[in-house]
Amino acid sequence: AALGLVAVDTAGTPVSRDAAGLIRAADLQDRGMDPRWREVQVTVAGDVDNPLCGPQGAAAVFGPQKGASPADVRELDAALSRWAGILATATGQDAATVRTTPGAGAAGGVGAALATVFGASLRSGAELLLDLVDFTAACRDADLVLTGEGRIDAQTGHGKAPARVAAAAHAATGGAAGGVPVIAVGGAVTADAATLVPGLFTDIVTVGDPARPVAENLARTATDLRVTVARRMSVFSHCQRR
């Protein structure tokens, strides 16, 4: 709406900017979009490669993280599928493509809207930053790569920054099997993160203590991070000398 495009219901009334509004949306109307946007090349830097709809879509993957029940997820996915049709109709594009484009599900579907309305290219934000700092060149002389994020789970493998770092390191040094080791450090690590080892990461290390309250782990983050990395580096150095 801030850019001049308004989602409306069947009566032409603007819908609310939440899940309830998405479910009611029936059309997308131009109510003052600045024509200069047509002359701007837009690049979207996203942190995931999930499509808008389906088993790996925005609702299915991120809905439960926000408290959505299985029934909520089904309703939201259906609403996003309809929304893809609305975007496609408004812009003369193919609805199936809108639903399945990698990255379209980022930020609850913002990627899909920007790609269709503004013709934006969807890029991995992590890859964009890695290119800017010439990360590939740095990896060629590296003995070890450390990466991480607050929570590491199976979703980390879907284009999040640590996964992009690992992929770039492997590409620069000969692959996951023979290339530079990549260790991921997480404030919290879920059981399903085990699927990312050894294909993506050489190892995954937890910073906090799962037995401690979250608030205590957060308060001790800096200390725990230093201790965890120091211990892991000691093990790595020992293995290198053998």
Foldseek 3Di string as FASTA:
>chain_A
DVQQKFFAAPVRHGADPDLVSLLRGDAIDRGDHDPCLQVDAAAAAFFFFFFCADCRHQLNPCVVVVPADPVRSVSSRVSSLSVLVRLCVVQVHDSVCLRGGTPCRGPNRVNSNCCRPRVYHYDHNLVVVCVVVVVLVVLLPDQEAEEEDAEAAPRCCRRGNLQVSQVSSQVSAPHLPPTHAYEYEYCYYDPRNVVCPPRRHVYYYHQFDPVDDPVVSVVCVVVSVVVRVVVVVVVVVVVVVD
